[in-house]
Structure formats: C-alpha cells, structure tokens
C-alpha atoms as a PDB file:
ATOM      1  CA  UNK A   1      61.108  53.928 -78.084  1.00  0.00           C
ATOM      2  CA  UNK A   2      57.812  54.421 -76.292  1.00  0.00           C
ATOM      3  CA  UNK A   3      57.817  54.033 -72.530  1.00  0.00           C
ATOM      4  CA  UNK A   4      55.024  54.378 -70.000  1.00  0.00           C
ATOM      5  CA  UNK A   5      56.323  54.048 -66.461  1.00  0.00           C
ATOM      6  CA  UNK A   6      53.854  53.779 -63.609  1.00  0.00           C
ATOM      7  CA  UNK A   7      54.621  54.564 -59.998  1.00  0.00           C
ATOM      8  CA  UNK A   8      52.813  55.102 -56.725  1.00  0.00           C
ATOM      9  CA  UNK A   9      51.301  51.716 -56.078  1.00  0.00           C
ATOM     10  CA  UNK A  10      51.491  49.997 -52.720  1.00  0.00           C
ATOM     11  CA  UNK A  11      49.637  48.617 -49.746  1.00  0.00           C
ATOM     12  CA  UNK A  12      46.945  50.709 -48.078  1.00  0.00           C
ATOM     13  CA  UNK A  13      44.145  50.092 -45.639  1.00  0.00           C
ATOM     14  CA  UNK A  14      40.463  50.344 -46.518  1.00  0.00           C
ATOM     15  CA  UNK A  15      39.452  53.981 -46.725  1.00  0.00           C
ATOM     16  CA  UNK A  16      42.961  55.139 -47.509  1.00  0.00           C
ATOM     17  CA  UNK A  17      44.333  56.969 -50.514  1.00  0.00           C
ATOM     18  CA  UNK A  18      47.007  56.467 -53.133  1.00  0.00           C
ATOM     19  CA  UNK A  19      48.146  58.517 -56.076  1.00  0.00           C
ATOM     20  CA  UNK A  20      49.385  56.734 -59.174  1.00  0.00           C
ATOM     21  CA  UNK A  21      51.512  58.477 -61.767  1.00  0.00           C
ATOM     22  CA  UNK A  22      52.523  57.494 -65.269  1.00  0.00           C
ATOM     23  CA  UNK A  23      55.428  59.140 -67.026  1.00  0.00           C
ATOM     24  CA  UNK A  24      55.392  58.886 -70.805  1.00  0.00           C
ATOM     25  CA  UNK A  25      58.289  59.196 -73.212  1.00  0.00           C
ATOM     26  CA  UNK A  26      58.757  58.549 -76.910  1.00  0.00           C
ATOM     27  CA  UNK A  27      55.339  59.908 -77.872  1.00  0.00           C
ATOM     28  CA  UNK A  28      53.807  63.304 -78.511  1.00  0.00           C
ATOM     29  CA  UNK A  29      51.959  63.129 -75.221  1.00  0.00           C
ATOM     30  CA  UNK A  30      49.446  65.871 -75.947  1.00  0.00           C
ATOM     31  CA  UNK A  31      48.226  63.922 -78.998  1.00  0.00           C
ATOM     32  CA  UNK A  32      47.225  60.877 -76.982  1.00  0.00           C
ATOM     33  CA  UNK A  33      44.203  60.029 -74.929  1.00  0.00           C
ATOM     34  CA  UNK A  34      45.427  58.536 -71.669  1.00  0.00           C
ATOM     35  CA  UNK A  35      43.855  56.018 -69.379  1.00  0.00           C
ATOM     36  CA  UNK A  36      44.176  53.788 -66.367  1.00  0.00           C
ATOM     37  CA  UNK A  37      43.077  50.174 -66.438  1.00  0.00           C
ATOM     38  CA  UNK A  38      43.307  47.464 -63.812  1.00  0.00           C
ATOM     39  CA  UNK A  39      43.414  43.709 -63.643  1.00  0.00           C
ATOM     40  CA  UNK A  40      42.628  41.711 -60.548  1.00  0.00           C
ATOM     41  CA  UNK A  41      43.707  38.071 -60.191  1.00  0.00           C
ATOM     42  CA  UNK A  42      41.511  35.798 -62.289  1.00  0.00           C
ATOM     43  CA  UNK A  43      39.695  38.697 -63.899  1.00  0.00           C
ATOM     44  CA  UNK A  44      39.891  40.520 -67.198  1.00  0.00           C
ATOM     45  CA  UNK A  45      41.556  43.892 -67.509  1.00  0.00           C
ATOM     46  CA  UNK A  46      38.990  46.649 -67.055  1.00  0.00           C
ATOM     47  CA  UNK A  47      38.813  50.364 -67.666  1.00  0.00           C
ATOM     48  CA  UNK A  48      39.186  52.567 -64.600  1.00  0.00           C
ATOM     49  CA  UNK A  49      39.379  56.081 -66.042  1.00  0.00           C
ATOM     50  CA  UNK A  50      40.309  57.888 -69.223  1.00  0.00           C
ATOM     51  CA  UNK A  51      41.142  61.452 -70.152  1.00  0.00           C
ATOM     52  CA  UNK A  52      41.048  62.796 -73.681  1.00  0.00           C
ATOM     53  CA  UNK A  53      43.512  65.126 -75.347  1.00  0.00           C
ATOM     54  CA  UNK A  54      41.162  67.956 -74.466  1.00  0.00           C
ATOM     55  CA  UNK A  55      40.830  66.941 -70.827  1.00  0.00           C
ATOM     56  CA  UNK A  56      37.421  65.274 -70.852  1.00  0.00           C
ATOM     57  CA  UNK A  57      37.242  62.426 -68.369  1.00  0.00           C
ATOM     58  CA  UNK A  58      35.387  59.153 -68.107  1.00  0.00           C
ATOM     59  CA  UNK A  59      35.182  56.777 -65.151  1.00  0.00           C
ATOM     60  CA  UNK A  60      34.039  53.277 -64.435  1.00  0.00           C
ATOM     61  CA  UNK A  61      30.897  53.331 -62.316  1.00  0.00           C
ATOM     62  CA  UNK A  62      32.739  51.495 -59.554  1.00  0.00           C
ATOM     63  CA  UNK A  63      35.193  54.363 -59.019  1.00  0.00           C
ATOM     64  CA  UNK A  64      33.066  57.437 -59.746  1.00  0.00           C
ATOM     65  CA  UNK A  65      33.296  59.949 -56.941  1.00  0.00           C
ATOM     66  CA  UNK A  66      36.385  58.266 -55.470  1.00  0.00           C
ATOM     67  CA  UNK A  67      39.012  58.421 -58.218  1.00  0.00           C
ATOM     68  CA  UNK A  68      40.208  61.411 -60.227  1.00  0.00           C
ATOM     69  CA  UNK A  69      42.297  61.244 -63.392  1.00  0.00           C
ATOM     70  CA  UNK A  70      44.368  64.210 -64.507  1.00  0.00           C
ATOM     71  CA  UNK A  71      47.098  64.973 -66.995  1.00  0.00           C
ATOM     72  CA  UNK A  72      49.999  67.394 -67.242  1.00  0.00           C
ATOM     73  CA  UNK A  73      50.999  67.856 -70.851  1.00  0.00           C
ATOM     74  CA  UNK A  74      54.029  69.935 -69.855  1.00  0.00           C
ATOM     75  CA  UNK A  75      55.426  67.045 -67.812  1.00  0.00           C
ATOM     76  CA  UNK A  76      54.106  64.201 -70.007  1.00  0.00           C
ATOM     77  CA  UNK A  77      52.384  62.628 -67.053  1.00  0.00           C
ATOM     78  CA  UNK A  78      48.963  61.269 -66.206  1.00  0.00           C
ATOM     79  CA  UNK A  79      47.887  60.685 -62.628  1.00  0.00           C
ATOM     80  CA  UNK A  80      45.149  58.819 -60.818  1.00  0.00           C
ATOM     81  CA  UNK A  81      44.170  60.036 -57.374  1.00  0.00           C
ATOM     82  CA  UNK A  82      42.422  57.213 -55.559  1.00  0.00           C
ATOM     83  CA  UNK A  83      40.482  57.971 -52.387  1.00  0.00           C
ATOM     84  CA  UNK A  84      38.227  55.898 -50.159  1.00  0.00           C
ATOM     85  CA  UNK A  85      39.914  52.747 -51.373  1.00  0.00           C
ATOM     86  CA  UNK A  86      38.162  49.414 -50.995  1.00  0.00           C
ATOM     87  CA  UNK A  87      39.497  45.847 -50.980  1.00  0.00           C
ATOM     88  CA  UNK A  88      37.846  45.337 -54.379  1.00  0.00           C
ATOM     89  CA  UNK A  89      40.166  48.008 -55.798  1.00  0.00           C
ATOM     90  CA  UNK A  90      43.063  45.597 -55.319  1.00  0.00           C
ATOM     91  CA  UNK A  91      44.631  44.970 -58.725  1.00  0.00           C
ATOM     92  CA  UNK A  92      47.546  45.708 -60.968  1.00  0.00           C
ATOM     93  CA  UNK A  93      46.966  49.148 -62.455  1.00  0.00           C
ATOM     94  CA  UNK A  94      48.136  49.871 -65.983  1.00  0.00           C
ATOM     95  CA  UNK A  95      48.697  53.133 -67.779  1.00  0.00           C
ATOM     96  CA  UNK A  96      47.500  53.328 -71.376  1.00  0.00           C
ATOM     97  CA  UNK A  97      48.189  55.754 -74.204  1.00  0.00           C
ATOM     98  CA  UNK A  98      45.854  55.764 -77.193  1.00  0.00           C
ATOM     99  CA  UNK A  99      46.414  57.622 -80.448  1.00  0.00           C
ATOM    100  CA  UNK A 100      42.855  57.513 -81.664  1.00  0.00           C
ATOM    101  CA  UNK A 101      43.482  58.557 -85.274  1.00  0.00           C
ATOM    102  CA  UNK A 102      45.662  55.493 -85.894  1.00  0.00           C
ATOM    103  CA  UNK A 103      44.308  53.192 -83.176  1.00  0.00           C
ATOM    104  CA  UNK A 104      47.817  52.975 -81.769  1.00  0.00           C
ATOM    105  CA  UNK A 105      47.928  51.678 -78.233  1.00  0.00           C
ATOM    106  CA  UNK A 106      50.727  51.548 -75.665  1.00  0.00           C
ATOM    107  CA  UNK A 107      50.772  50.028 -72.181  1.00  0.00           C
ATOM    108  CA  UNK A 108      52.906  50.435 -69.114  1.00  0.00           C
ATOM    109  CA  UNK A 109      54.251  47.523 -67.107  1.00  0.00           C
ATOM    110  CA  UNK A 110      51.743  47.966 -64.295  1.00  0.00           C
ATOM    111  CA  UNK A 111      51.878  48.834 -60.617  1.00  0.00           C
ATOM    112  CA  UNK A 112      50.339  46.787 -57.821  1.00  0.00           C
ATOM    113  CA  UNK A 113      47.700  48.313 -55.579  1.00  0.00           C
ATOM    114  CA  UNK A 114      46.628  46.270 -52.571  1.00  0.00           C
ATOM    115  CA  UNK A 115      43.867  47.412 -50.242  1.00  0.00           C
ATOM    116  CA  UNK A 116      43.664  45.519 -46.974  1.00  0.00           C
ATOM    117  CA  UNK A 117      40.392  45.103 -45.080  1.00  0.00           C
END
C-alpha cells in the first residue's frame, strides 16, 4: 500500500518560514520523481516544486528564490523549505510521487499552510 504522509504545515506570519516533509512508503522511492503542489480555496491545484530521481529541481516562478525542495533517498523523504512566506502562499500543500516510465501518480492527503498578513 502506497502512502505519502505530509507534515510541517501550520500558521506563520508574513516573512516567516516553514519546512514541509513528506514520508513515502510502499514505493521504491529512488525511482520516483517527487513534487509539491498546492491548492488555495477556489483555485486549481498548481505545481510548486519538483525534484527528479537524479536531483534536478524545478520551481514555480512565484516561489523561486524562496522555496527549496530536497530529497533523502535513504529516509524516503522529500522536503520543502519555505522562506519569506507571503499571504498568497496560503494553501493546502500536497506531496506527489511520479513514476515517469509508467505515468503512475500518487498523492498525499495534504497539509495546510496559512500565512497571516
């Protein structure tokens, strides 16, 4: 059974920082590209950051220079360090695992991030 369990969300003031973590089980973690997505109320889910099996990263323009995605294949975890948070970063953040060769996709249950102004 595949599980992606996010943690680290919460309430923070503008300019603050949070670190999200996602623990994966039931998959060969090192074979998956991993990503963070977010969905704000009334909006579509959007890509925040991704990291390939080889460690290459990609970021949404809105978070470049503020967020950093990383992975630890030994611990089967992917993290998102979020700095200089803004109210527009408020959303539910989801962890994603993608096995590109088979287009297999898994999602976590999400963790709420709220940035107060």
